[in-house]
Amino acid sequence: MYRVITCNTNGIRAAARKGFFDWLASQKADVVCIQEIKAKEEQLTDEVFYPKGYHCYYNEAERPGYAGTAIFCKQKPQKVITRLDWEIVDSEGRYIQVDFPGLSVVSLYVPSGSASEVAQARKDGFMEPFYEHLAALRRKRREFIVCADWNTCHQNIDLKNWRSNQKNSGFMPHERAWLDRIYDDLKWVDIFREITDEPDLYTWW
């Protein structure tokens, strides 16, 4: 059984200064998925960014200090995928996938739409093509674990102030309906909510 951890670090260098890698060492994870590294790999020269016992793969954004994803894994993968031939994904380092025998693990950072109407339009333009990508993954003869910062809350229970956020990016009806389709139509499973339906379990609000 794999122990998989996922985390948005909001800047991996800042997270390192706050003790992220000390915490990580205590978790004994087999695979660690990270979103929003906000760094070029050339800036990650300290050995702390390459934890002992892990194969470390970074997918940086072209723009400095922005987006990006990473995966650390104890087992060396058969394949590492960082490109989908899709500009918003490839230029911003939003997707990285590692393939093991019979299992693939993805770290995904979905665009945020909260900054402006233009940002929301970019996010909306991402959603349907990525739905089709998830549909294609479901057709493959292997298991997938997708660890993501979706930049979207699915249900009222997933957001502290859900009533006041219904018109805000990240909780708008069409964004939530997109996740409905991913779970209901494509049969992906929200593992966290499969395990617990307890309220007030937030990592960000």
N, C-alpha and C. Protein backbone atom coordinates (compact mmCIF):
# COMPACT_ATOMS: atom_id res chain seq x y z
N MET A 1 0.84 -1.20 0.00
CA MET A 1 0.00 0.00 0.00
C MET A 1 0.88 1.25 0.00
N TYR A 2 0.53 2.21 -0.86
CA TYR A 2 1.26 3.46 -0.94
C TYR A 2 0.69 4.46 0.08
N ARG A 3 1.58 5.20 0.69
CA ARG A 3 1.17 6.37 1.49
C ARG A 3 1.47 7.59 0.65
N VAL A 4 0.43 8.31 0.27
CA VAL A 4 0.56 9.45 -0.63
C VAL A 4 0.13 10.71 0.11
N ILE A 5 0.94 11.75 0.02
CA ILE A 5 0.65 13.04 0.65
C ILE A 5 0.58 14.09 -0.45
N THR A 6 -0.36 15.03 -0.31
CA THR A 6 -0.43 16.14 -1.26
C THR A 6 -0.52 17.45 -0.49
N CYS A 7 0.12 18.49 -1.03
CA CYS A 7 0.19 19.76 -0.31
C CYS A 7 0.46 20.91 -1.28
N ASN A 8 -0.29 21.99 -1.13
CA ASN A 8 0.06 23.25 -1.79
C ASN A 8 0.98 24.00 -0.85
N THR A 9 2.22 24.20 -1.26
CA THR A 9 3.20 24.83 -0.37
C THR A 9 3.16 26.35 -0.44
N ASN A 10 2.46 26.92 -1.44
CA ASN A 10 2.43 28.38 -1.62
C ASN A 10 3.85 28.94 -1.64
N GLY A 11 4.71 28.24 -2.37
CA GLY A 11 6.12 28.61 -2.46
C GLY A 11 6.97 27.65 -1.66
N ILE A 12 7.68 26.77 -2.36
CA ILE A 12 8.40 25.71 -1.66
C ILE A 12 9.60 26.25 -0.87
N ARG A 13 10.18 27.36 -1.32
CA ARG A 13 11.29 27.93 -0.55
C ARG A 13 10.79 28.51 0.77
N ALA A 14 9.65 29.20 0.72
CA ALA A 14 9.06 29.73 1.95
C ALA A 14 8.65 28.59 2.87
N ALA A 15 8.10 27.53 2.28
CA ALA A 15 7.69 26.37 3.08
C ALA A 15 8.89 25.73 3.76
N ALA A 16 10.01 25.67 3.06
CA ALA A 16 11.22 25.10 3.65
C ALA A 16 11.65 25.89 4.88
N ARG A 17 11.56 27.22 4.78
CA ARG A 17 11.95 28.06 5.92
C ARG A 17 11.01 27.86 7.11
N LYS A 18 9.79 27.44 6.83
CA LYS A 18 8.80 27.24 7.90
C LYS A 18 8.78 25.80 8.42
N GLY A 19 9.72 24.97 7.96
CA GLY A 19 9.84 23.63 8.51
C GLY A 19 9.14 22.53 7.74
N PHE A 20 8.77 22.81 6.49
CA PHE A 20 8.05 21.82 5.70
C PHE A 20 8.81 20.51 5.57
N PHE A 21 10.10 20.60 5.29
CA PHE A 21 10.86 19.37 5.05
C PHE A 21 11.14 18.60 6.34
N ASP A 22 11.21 19.29 7.46
CA ASP A 22 11.30 18.59 8.74
C ASP A 22 10.02 17.79 8.99
N TRP A 23 8.88 18.43 8.73
CA TRP A 23 7.60 17.75 8.88
C TRP A 23 7.50 16.57 7.92
N LEU A 24 7.92 16.78 6.68
CA LEU A 24 7.82 15.74 5.68
C LEU A 24 8.61 14.49 6.08
N ALA A 25 9.77 14.69 6.67
CA ALA A 25 10.60 13.56 7.07
C ALA A 25 9.90 12.67 8.09
N SER A 26 8.99 13.24 8.84
CA SER A 26 8.28 12.46 9.87
C SER A 26 7.07 11.72 9.32
N GLN A 27 6.70 11.98 8.07
CA GLN A 27 5.46 11.44 7.52
C GLN A 27 5.61 10.06 6.88
N LYS A 28 6.82 9.70 6.53
CA LYS A 28 7.09 8.38 5.93
C LYS A 28 6.20 8.11 4.71
N ALA A 29 6.09 9.11 3.87
CA ALA A 29 5.27 8.99 2.66
C ALA A 29 6.04 8.28 1.56
N ASP A 30 5.32 7.51 0.76
CA ASP A 30 5.92 6.89 -0.42
C ASP A 30 5.96 7.85 -1.59
N VAL A 31 4.92 8.67 -1.69
CA VAL A 31 4.83 9.66 -2.76
C VAL A 31 4.35 10.97 -2.16
N VAL A 32 4.99 12.07 -2.56
CA VAL A 32 4.61 13.40 -2.10
C VAL A 32 4.31 14.26 -3.32
N CYS A 33 3.09 14.78 -3.40
CA CYS A 33 2.69 15.65 -4.50
C CYS A 33 2.62 17.09 -4.00
N ILE A 34 3.23 17.99 -4.72
CA ILE A 34 3.30 19.39 -4.29
C ILE A 34 2.77 20.28 -5.41
N GLN A 35 1.98 21.27 -5.02
CA GLN A 35 1.50 22.27 -5.96
C GLN A 35 2.00 23.65 -5.54
N GLU A 36 2.14 24.51 -6.51
CA GLU A 36 2.54 25.91 -6.33
C GLU A 36 3.92 26.01 -5.68
N ILE A 37 4.91 25.48 -6.38
CA ILE A 37 6.28 25.54 -5.86
C ILE A 37 6.85 26.96 -5.97
N LYS A 38 6.41 27.73 -6.97
CA LYS A 38 6.82 29.13 -7.13
C LYS A 38 8.34 29.27 -7.20
N ALA A 39 8.99 28.43 -7.95
CA ALA A 39 10.45 28.49 -8.04
C ALA A 39 10.93 27.80 -9.31
N LYS A 40 12.05 28.29 -9.82
CA LYS A 40 12.78 27.59 -10.86
C LYS A 40 13.66 26.53 -10.19
N GLU A 41 13.86 25.41 -10.88
CA GLU A 41 14.68 24.37 -10.27
C GLU A 41 16.10 24.85 -10.04
N GLU A 42 16.57 25.77 -10.86
CA GLU A 42 17.93 26.30 -10.67
C GLU A 42 18.06 27.08 -9.36
N GLN A 43 16.91 27.49 -8.79
CA GLN A 43 16.92 28.18 -7.50
C GLN A 43 16.89 27.20 -6.33
N LEU A 44 16.68 25.93 -6.62
CA LEU A 44 16.53 24.93 -5.57
C LEU A 44 17.81 24.11 -5.45
N THR A 45 18.89 24.78 -5.14
CA THR A 45 20.20 24.12 -5.10
C THR A 45 20.49 23.48 -3.75
N ASP A 46 19.84 23.95 -2.70
CA ASP A 46 20.07 23.38 -1.37
C ASP A 46 19.57 21.94 -1.34
N GLU A 47 20.31 21.08 -0.66
CA GLU A 47 19.95 19.66 -0.61
C GLU A 47 18.61 19.42 0.08
N VAL A 48 18.13 20.40 0.84
CA VAL A 48 16.84 20.23 1.52
C VAL A 48 15.71 19.99 0.53
N PHE A 49 15.87 20.52 -0.69
CA PHE A 49 14.82 20.38 -1.70
C PHE A 49 14.85 19.02 -2.40
N TYR A 50 15.79 18.19 -2.02
CA TYR A 50 15.91 16.84 -2.58
C TYR A 50 16.04 15.86 -1.42
N PRO A 51 14.94 15.61 -0.70
CA PRO A 51 14.99 14.81 0.52
C PRO A 51 15.63 13.44 0.30
N LYS A 52 16.44 13.05 1.24
CA LYS A 52 17.12 11.76 1.17
C LYS A 52 16.10 10.63 1.08
N GLY A 53 16.36 9.71 0.16
CA GLY A 53 15.48 8.55 -0.01
C GLY A 53 14.40 8.74 -1.05
N TYR A 54 14.35 9.94 -1.65
CA TYR A 54 13.32 10.22 -2.66
C TYR A 54 13.94 10.55 -4.01
N HIS A 55 13.25 10.15 -5.06
CA HIS A 55 13.51 10.66 -6.40
C HIS A 55 12.64 11.90 -6.55
N CYS A 56 13.24 13.03 -6.87
CA CYS A 56 12.53 14.31 -6.85
C CYS A 56 12.41 14.89 -8.26
N TYR A 57 11.19 15.23 -8.63
CA TYR A 57 10.91 15.74 -9.97
C TYR A 57 10.12 17.04 -9.85
N TYR A 58 10.68 18.09 -10.43
CA TYR A 58 10.05 19.41 -10.41
C TYR A 58 9.57 19.77 -11.81
N ASN A 59 8.44 20.45 -11.88
CA ASN A 59 7.94 20.99 -13.14
C ASN A 59 7.65 22.47 -12.93
N GLU A 60 8.57 23.30 -13.36
CA GLU A 60 8.50 24.73 -13.08
C GLU A 60 7.70 25.48 -14.13
N ALA A 61 7.21 26.65 -13.75
CA ALA A 61 6.57 27.56 -14.70
C ALA A 61 7.64 28.39 -15.40
N GLU A 62 7.32 28.84 -16.60
CA GLU A 62 8.24 29.73 -17.30
C GLU A 62 8.38 31.06 -16.57
N ARG A 63 7.28 31.54 -16.02
CA ARG A 63 7.26 32.80 -15.27
C ARG A 63 7.89 32.59 -13.90
N PRO A 64 8.86 33.40 -13.51
CA PRO A 64 9.52 33.21 -12.21
C PRO A 64 8.55 33.40 -11.04
N GLY A 65 8.73 32.60 -10.00
CA GLY A 65 7.96 32.77 -8.78
C GLY A 65 6.48 32.50 -8.91
N TYR A 66 6.13 31.56 -9.80
CA TYR A 66 4.71 31.36 -10.12
C TYR A 66 4.42 29.88 -10.33
N ALA A 67 3.28 29.44 -9.81
CA ALA A 67 2.71 28.12 -10.10
C ALA A 67 3.76 27.00 -9.91
N GLY A 68 3.72 26.00 -10.80
CA GLY A 68 4.66 24.89 -10.74
C GLY A 68 4.21 23.77 -9.82
N THR A 69 4.67 22.55 -10.14
CA THR A 69 4.32 21.36 -9.37
C THR A 69 5.57 20.50 -9.16
N ALA A 70 5.44 19.52 -8.28
CA ALA A 70 6.55 18.60 -8.03
C ALA A 70 6.01 17.29 -7.50
N ILE A 71 6.79 16.25 -7.66
CA ILE A 71 6.51 14.95 -7.05
C ILE A 71 7.81 14.37 -6.51
N PHE A 72 7.78 13.91 -5.28
CA PHE A 72 8.88 13.15 -4.68
C PHE A 72 8.37 11.72 -4.50
N CYS A 73 9.17 10.74 -4.87
CA CYS A 73 8.73 9.35 -4.72
C CYS A 73 9.91 8.46 -4.33
N LYS A 74 9.64 7.52 -3.44
CA LYS A 74 10.69 6.61 -2.98
C LYS A 74 11.08 5.62 -4.06
N GLN A 75 10.10 5.14 -4.79
CA GLN A 75 10.37 4.20 -5.89
C GLN A 75 10.63 4.99 -7.16
N LYS A 76 11.65 4.63 -7.88
CA LYS A 76 11.94 5.32 -9.14
C LYS A 76 10.85 4.99 -10.15
N PRO A 77 10.21 5.99 -10.72
CA PRO A 77 9.13 5.71 -11.67
C PRO A 77 9.64 5.21 -13.01
N GLN A 78 8.77 4.52 -13.71
CA GLN A 78 9.10 4.07 -15.06
C GLN A 78 9.11 5.24 -16.04
N LYS A 79 8.29 6.24 -15.74
CA LYS A 79 8.14 7.36 -16.66
C LYS A 79 7.70 8.59 -15.88
N VAL A 80 8.16 9.77 -16.32
CA VAL A 80 7.73 11.04 -15.76
C VAL A 80 7.18 11.90 -16.88
N ILE A 81 5.96 12.38 -16.71
CA ILE A 81 5.30 13.20 -17.73
C ILE A 81 5.11 14.61 -17.19
N THR A 82 5.62 15.59 -17.92
CA THR A 82 5.46 16.99 -17.51
C THR A 82 4.84 17.85 -18.60
N ARG A 83 4.51 17.26 -19.72
CA ARG A 83 3.95 18.02 -20.83
C ARG A 83 2.70 17.34 -21.37
N LEU A 84 1.68 18.15 -21.62
CA LEU A 84 0.45 17.64 -22.24
C LEU A 84 0.19 18.30 -23.59
N ASP A 85 1.18 19.04 -24.11
CA ASP A 85 1.02 19.80 -25.36
C ASP A 85 -0.17 20.75 -25.25
N TRP A 86 -0.18 21.50 -24.16
CA TRP A 86 -1.29 22.40 -23.84
C TRP A 86 -0.67 23.60 -23.13
N GLU A 87 -0.78 24.77 -23.74
CA GLU A 87 0.00 25.93 -23.33
C GLU A 87 -0.16 26.30 -21.86
N ILE A 88 -1.38 26.41 -21.38
CA ILE A 88 -1.60 26.86 -20.00
C ILE A 88 -1.04 25.86 -18.99
N VAL A 89 -1.01 24.61 -19.36
CA VAL A 89 -0.47 23.56 -18.48
C VAL A 89 1.05 23.52 -18.57
N ASP A 90 1.56 23.45 -19.79
CA ASP A 90 2.99 23.25 -19.99
C ASP A 90 3.82 24.48 -19.60
N SER A 91 3.35 25.68 -19.94
CA SER A 91 4.14 26.88 -19.67
C SER A 91 4.09 27.28 -18.20
N GLU A 92 3.12 26.76 -17.47
CA GLU A 92 2.97 27.13 -16.06
C GLU A 92 3.25 25.97 -15.11
N GLY A 93 3.74 24.85 -15.66
CA GLY A 93 4.14 23.72 -14.83
C GLY A 93 3.02 23.17 -13.97
N ARG A 94 1.83 23.10 -14.53
CA ARG A 94 0.65 22.76 -13.73
C ARG A 94 0.39 21.26 -13.60
N TYR A 95 1.16 20.43 -14.26
CA TYR A 95 0.86 18.99 -14.28
C TYR A 95 2.16 18.20 -14.30
N ILE A 96 2.25 17.23 -13.40
CA ILE A 96 3.35 16.28 -13.46
C ILE A 96 2.80 14.92 -13.06
N GLN A 97 3.20 13.90 -13.80
CA GLN A 97 2.70 12.54 -13.60
C GLN A 97 3.86 11.58 -13.54
N VAL A 98 3.82 10.68 -12.57
CA VAL A 98 4.82 9.61 -12.50
C VAL A 98 4.10 8.28 -12.66
N ASP A 99 4.69 7.40 -13.46
CA ASP A 99 4.10 6.09 -13.74
C ASP A 99 4.91 4.99 -13.07
N PHE A 100 4.21 4.17 -12.30
CA PHE A 100 4.76 2.96 -11.72
C PHE A 100 4.04 1.76 -12.34
N PRO A 101 4.48 0.55 -12.10
CA PRO A 101 3.75 -0.60 -12.64
C PRO A 101 2.29 -0.62 -12.16
N GLY A 102 1.38 -0.42 -13.08
CA GLY A 102 -0.04 -0.49 -12.77
C GLY A 102 -0.64 0.73 -12.10
N LEU A 103 0.18 1.74 -11.77
CA LEU A 103 -0.30 2.91 -11.04
C LEU A 103 0.39 4.17 -11.53
N SER A 104 -0.40 5.23 -11.71
CA SER A 104 0.15 6.55 -12.01
C SER A 104 -0.31 7.53 -10.94
N VAL A 105 0.57 8.45 -10.57
CA VAL A 105 0.23 9.50 -9.60
C VAL A 105 0.47 10.85 -10.26
N VAL A 106 -0.50 11.74 -10.11
CA VAL A 106 -0.46 13.06 -10.73
C VAL A 106 -0.47 14.14 -9.66
N SER A 107 0.34 15.17 -9.85
CA SER A 107 0.23 16.39 -9.06
C SER A 107 -0.25 17.49 -10.00
N LEU A 108 -1.36 18.12 -9.64
CA LEU A 108 -2.05 19.07 -10.52
C LEU A 108 -2.33 20.37 -9.80
N TYR A 109 -2.11 21.48 -10.48
CA TYR A 109 -2.45 22.80 -9.95
C TYR A 109 -3.38 23.49 -10.93
N VAL A 110 -4.67 23.50 -10.61
CA VAL A 110 -5.68 24.11 -11.48
C VAL A 110 -5.57 25.64 -11.38
N PRO A 111 -5.71 26.36 -12.49
CA PRO A 111 -5.65 27.82 -12.44
C PRO A 111 -6.68 28.41 -11.49
N SER A 112 -6.31 29.49 -10.84
CA SER A 112 -7.24 30.24 -10.00
C SER A 112 -7.94 31.30 -10.85
N GLY A 113 -9.19 31.56 -10.51
CA GLY A 113 -9.92 32.61 -11.22
C GLY A 113 -10.23 33.81 -10.36
N SER A 114 -9.66 33.85 -9.17
CA SER A 114 -10.07 34.86 -8.19
C SER A 114 -9.53 36.26 -8.46
N ALA A 115 -8.48 36.38 -9.25
CA ALA A 115 -7.83 37.69 -9.41
C ALA A 115 -8.63 38.66 -10.27
N SER A 116 -9.33 38.15 -11.28
CA SER A 116 -10.01 39.03 -12.22
C SER A 116 -10.94 38.23 -13.11
N GLU A 117 -11.74 38.93 -13.91
CA GLU A 117 -12.59 38.25 -14.88
C GLU A 117 -11.75 37.53 -15.92
N VAL A 118 -10.61 38.11 -16.27
CA VAL A 118 -9.71 37.46 -17.23
C VAL A 118 -9.18 36.15 -16.65
N ALA A 119 -8.80 36.18 -15.37
CA ALA A 119 -8.31 34.97 -14.72
C ALA A 119 -9.40 33.90 -14.66
N GLN A 120 -10.63 34.32 -14.39
CA GLN A 120 -11.73 33.36 -14.35
C GLN A 120 -11.97 32.76 -15.72
N ALA A 121 -11.85 33.58 -16.75
CA ALA A 121 -12.03 33.07 -18.11
C ALA A 121 -10.95 32.03 -18.45
N ARG A 122 -9.72 32.26 -17.99
CA ARG A 122 -8.64 31.29 -18.20
C ARG A 122 -8.96 29.97 -17.49
N LYS A 123 -9.45 30.09 -16.27
CA LYS A 123 -9.81 28.89 -15.52
C LYS A 123 -10.94 28.15 -16.22
N ASP A 124 -11.97 28.89 -16.63
CA ASP A 124 -13.10 28.26 -17.32
C ASP A 124 -12.63 27.56 -18.59
N GLY A 125 -11.67 28.17 -19.28
CA GLY A 125 -11.13 27.57 -20.50
C GLY A 125 -10.31 26.32 -20.24
N PHE A 126 -9.82 26.18 -19.03
CA PHE A 126 -9.06 25.00 -18.63
C PHE A 126 -9.97 23.82 -18.32
N MET A 127 -11.13 24.11 -17.78
CA MET A 127 -11.95 23.07 -17.15
C MET A 127 -12.43 21.98 -18.11
N GLU A 128 -13.00 22.35 -19.22
CA GLU A 128 -13.55 21.33 -20.11
C GLU A 128 -12.47 20.47 -20.76
N PRO A 129 -11.39 21.08 -21.29
CA PRO A 129 -10.32 20.23 -21.82
C PRO A 129 -9.72 19.30 -20.77
N PHE A 130 -9.61 19.76 -19.52
CA PHE A 130 -9.06 18.87 -18.51
C PHE A 130 -10.05 17.78 -18.14
N TYR A 131 -11.33 18.07 -18.20
CA TYR A 131 -12.34 17.03 -18.01
C TYR A 131 -12.12 15.92 -19.04
N GLU A 132 -11.87 16.30 -20.29
CA GLU A 132 -11.63 15.31 -21.33
C GLU A 132 -10.34 14.53 -21.06
N HIS A 133 -9.34 15.20 -20.51
CA HIS A 133 -8.10 14.50 -20.15
C HIS A 133 -8.38 13.46 -19.07
N LEU A 134 -9.16 13.83 -18.06
CA LEU A 134 -9.51 12.88 -17.01
C LEU A 134 -10.32 11.72 -17.57
N ALA A 135 -11.18 12.01 -18.54
CA ALA A 135 -11.95 10.93 -19.18
C ALA A 135 -11.01 9.97 -19.90
N ALA A 136 -9.99 10.52 -20.55
CA ALA A 136 -9.02 9.67 -21.26
C ALA A 136 -8.22 8.81 -20.27
N LEU A 137 -7.88 9.38 -19.13
CA LEU A 137 -7.16 8.59 -18.12
C LEU A 137 -8.00 7.43 -17.62
N ARG A 138 -9.30 7.65 -17.48
CA ARG A 138 -10.19 6.59 -17.00
C ARG A 138 -10.24 5.42 -17.97
N ARG A 139 -9.96 5.68 -19.23
CA ARG A 139 -10.02 4.62 -20.24
C ARG A 139 -8.74 3.78 -20.27
N LYS A 140 -7.71 4.24 -19.59
CA LYS A 140 -6.45 3.49 -19.58
C LYS A 140 -6.54 2.31 -18.62
N ARG A 141 -5.78 1.28 -18.90
CA ARG A 141 -5.82 0.07 -18.07
C ARG A 141 -4.80 0.16 -16.94
N ARG A 142 -5.01 1.14 -16.08
CA ARG A 142 -4.15 1.31 -14.92
C ARG A 142 -4.89 2.17 -13.90
N GLU A 143 -4.41 2.14 -12.68
CA GLU A 143 -4.99 2.95 -11.62
C GLU A 143 -4.34 4.33 -11.62
N PHE A 144 -5.12 5.34 -11.24
CA PHE A 144 -4.61 6.71 -11.16
C PHE A 144 -4.97 7.31 -9.81
N ILE A 145 -4.03 8.05 -9.26
CA ILE A 145 -4.29 8.93 -8.11
C ILE A 145 -3.96 10.34 -8.57
N VAL A 146 -4.95 11.22 -8.55
CA VAL A 146 -4.74 12.61 -8.94
C VAL A 146 -4.78 13.46 -7.68
N CYS A 147 -3.64 14.03 -7.33
CA CYS A 147 -3.53 14.92 -6.17
C CYS A 147 -3.52 16.35 -6.69
N ALA A 148 -4.48 17.14 -6.24
CA ALA A 148 -4.65 18.43 -6.89
C ALA A 148 -5.03 19.54 -5.93
N ASP A 149 -4.56 20.73 -6.24
CA ASP A 149 -5.20 21.94 -5.76
C ASP A 149 -6.18 22.32 -6.87
N TRP A 150 -7.45 22.02 -6.65
CA TRP A 150 -8.47 22.25 -7.68
C TRP A 150 -8.87 23.71 -7.78
N ASN A 151 -8.48 24.52 -6.80
CA ASN A 151 -8.93 25.91 -6.73
C ASN A 151 -10.45 26.00 -6.82
N THR A 152 -11.12 24.98 -6.32
CA THR A 152 -12.58 24.90 -6.32
C THR A 152 -13.02 24.04 -5.14
N CYS A 153 -14.00 24.51 -4.41
CA CYS A 153 -14.63 23.70 -3.37
C CYS A 153 -15.87 23.04 -3.96
N HIS A 154 -16.09 21.80 -3.60
CA HIS A 154 -17.17 21.03 -4.21
C HIS A 154 -18.50 21.21 -3.49
N GLN A 155 -18.51 21.02 -2.20
CA GLN A 155 -19.76 21.05 -1.44
C GLN A 155 -19.69 22.07 -0.31
N ASN A 156 -20.85 22.39 0.24
CA ASN A 156 -20.90 23.36 1.34
C ASN A 156 -19.97 22.96 2.48
N ILE A 157 -19.88 21.67 2.74
CA ILE A 157 -19.07 21.16 3.84
C ILE A 157 -17.58 21.43 3.64
N ASP A 158 -17.19 21.71 2.39
CA ASP A 158 -15.77 21.89 2.06
C ASP A 158 -15.29 23.33 2.22
N LEU A 159 -16.18 24.23 2.61
CA LEU A 159 -15.83 25.66 2.66
C LEU A 159 -16.41 26.27 3.92
N LYS A 160 -15.61 27.03 4.64
CA LYS A 160 -16.04 27.59 5.92
C LYS A 160 -17.21 28.57 5.73
N ASN A 161 -17.04 29.54 4.87
CA ASN A 161 -18.07 30.57 4.67
C ASN A 161 -18.77 30.37 3.33
N TRP A 162 -19.46 29.25 3.19
CA TRP A 162 -20.00 28.88 1.89
C TRP A 162 -21.11 29.82 1.43
N ARG A 163 -21.93 30.31 2.35
CA ARG A 163 -23.06 31.15 1.94
C ARG A 163 -22.59 32.43 1.25
N SER A 164 -21.56 33.05 1.79
CA SER A 164 -21.08 34.32 1.25
C SER A 164 -20.15 34.15 0.06
N ASN A 165 -19.82 32.92 -0.30
CA ASN A 165 -18.88 32.68 -1.39
C ASN A 165 -19.51 32.11 -2.65
N GLN A 166 -20.83 32.03 -2.70
CA GLN A 166 -21.48 31.35 -3.82
C GLN A 166 -21.31 32.08 -5.16
N LYS A 167 -20.97 33.36 -5.12
CA LYS A 167 -20.74 34.10 -6.35
C LYS A 167 -19.26 34.36 -6.60
N ASN A 168 -18.43 33.78 -5.74
CA ASN A 168 -16.99 34.00 -5.87
C ASN A 168 -16.32 32.84 -6.59
N SER A 169 -15.23 33.17 -7.29
CA SER A 169 -14.45 32.15 -7.97
C SER A 169 -14.02 31.08 -6.98
N GLY A 170 -14.15 29.84 -7.41
CA GLY A 170 -13.81 28.72 -6.56
C GLY A 170 -15.00 28.06 -5.91
N PHE A 171 -16.17 28.72 -6.00
CA PHE A 171 -17.37 28.11 -5.43
C PHE A 171 -18.61 28.47 -6.24
N MET A 172 -18.39 28.89 -7.47
CA MET A 172 -19.52 29.24 -8.32
C MET A 172 -20.22 27.98 -8.83
N PRO A 173 -21.50 28.07 -9.13
CA PRO A 173 -22.27 26.87 -9.52
C PRO A 173 -21.65 26.08 -10.66
N HIS A 174 -21.14 26.77 -11.69
CA HIS A 174 -20.61 26.01 -12.82
C HIS A 174 -19.30 25.30 -12.47
N GLU A 175 -18.53 25.85 -11.53
CA GLU A 175 -17.30 25.19 -11.09
C GLU A 175 -17.63 23.94 -10.27
N ARG A 176 -18.60 24.07 -9.40
CA ARG A 176 -19.03 22.92 -8.59
C ARG A 176 -19.65 21.84 -9.47
N ALA A 177 -20.40 22.27 -10.48
CA ALA A 177 -21.01 21.30 -11.41
C ALA A 177 -19.94 20.54 -12.18
N TRP A 178 -18.83 21.21 -12.48
CA TRP A 178 -17.70 20.55 -13.15
C TRP A 178 -17.17 19.40 -12.30
N LEU A 179 -17.02 19.65 -11.00
CA LEU A 179 -16.59 18.57 -10.11
C LEU A 179 -17.66 17.49 -10.00
N ASP A 180 -18.93 17.88 -10.00
CA ASP A 180 -20.01 16.88 -10.02
C ASP A 180 -19.82 15.91 -11.18
N ARG A 181 -19.54 16.46 -12.35
CA ARG A 181 -19.37 15.63 -13.54
C ARG A 181 -18.16 14.71 -13.42
N ILE A 182 -17.08 15.24 -12.85
CA ILE A 182 -15.88 14.42 -12.67
C ILE A 182 -16.17 13.24 -11.75
N TYR A 183 -16.89 13.49 -10.68
CA TYR A 183 -17.19 12.42 -9.72
C TYR A 183 -18.34 11.53 -10.18
N ASP A 184 -19.41 12.12 -10.69
CA ASP A 184 -20.61 11.35 -11.01
C ASP A 184 -20.53 10.69 -12.39
N ASP A 185 -20.07 11.43 -13.38
CA ASP A 185 -20.06 10.89 -14.75
C ASP A 185 -18.80 10.08 -15.04
N LEU A 186 -17.65 10.59 -14.62
CA LEU A 186 -16.39 9.89 -14.89
C LEU A 186 -16.03 8.88 -13.80
N LYS A 187 -16.73 8.96 -12.68
CA LYS A 187 -16.54 8.00 -11.57
C LYS A 187 -15.19 8.12 -10.88
N TRP A 188 -14.60 9.33 -10.92
CA TRP A 188 -13.48 9.57 -10.03
C TRP A 188 -14.01 9.68 -8.60
N VAL A 189 -13.17 9.42 -7.63
CA VAL A 189 -13.60 9.39 -6.23
C VAL A 189 -12.82 10.43 -5.42
N ASP A 190 -13.53 11.25 -4.67
CA ASP A 190 -12.91 12.17 -3.72
C ASP A 190 -12.52 11.35 -2.50
N ILE A 191 -11.26 10.95 -2.44
CA ILE A 191 -10.81 10.03 -1.39
C ILE A 191 -11.02 10.63 0.00
N PHE A 192 -10.76 11.93 0.13
CA PHE A 192 -10.92 12.54 1.45
C PHE A 192 -12.35 12.41 1.94
N ARG A 193 -13.31 12.71 1.07
CA ARG A 193 -14.72 12.61 1.48
C ARG A 193 -15.21 11.17 1.48
N GLU A 194 -14.49 10.28 0.88
CA GLU A 194 -14.80 8.86 1.00
C GLU A 194 -14.47 8.37 2.41
N ILE A 195 -13.44 8.97 2.99
CA ILE A 195 -12.98 8.57 4.32
C ILE A 195 -13.80 9.22 5.42
N THR A 196 -14.13 10.50 5.25
CA THR A 196 -14.82 11.22 6.32
C THR A 196 -15.81 12.23 5.76
N ASP A 197 -16.92 12.40 6.48
CA ASP A 197 -17.87 13.46 6.14
C ASP A 197 -17.95 14.47 7.28
N GLU A 198 -16.89 14.53 8.08
CA GLU A 198 -16.86 15.48 9.19
C GLU A 198 -16.74 16.90 8.66
N PRO A 199 -17.44 17.85 9.29
CA PRO A 199 -17.32 19.26 8.88
C PRO A 199 -16.08 19.92 9.47
N ASP A 200 -15.85 21.15 9.06
CA ASP A 200 -14.79 22.00 9.63
C ASP A 200 -13.40 21.43 9.45
N LEU A 201 -13.19 20.72 8.36
CA LEU A 201 -11.86 20.20 8.04
C LEU A 201 -11.35 20.96 6.82
N TYR A 202 -10.72 22.09 7.09
CA TYR A 202 -10.26 22.97 6.01
C TYR A 202 -8.74 23.12 6.07
N THR A 203 -8.14 23.30 4.92
CA THR A 203 -6.73 23.66 4.88
C THR A 203 -6.55 25.11 4.44
N TRP A 204 -7.63 25.71 3.94
CA TRP A 204 -7.53 27.09 3.45
C TRP A 204 -8.92 27.68 3.40
N TRP A 205 -9.06 28.89 3.88
CA TRP A 205 -10.33 29.61 3.72
C TRP A 205 -10.06 31.08 3.85
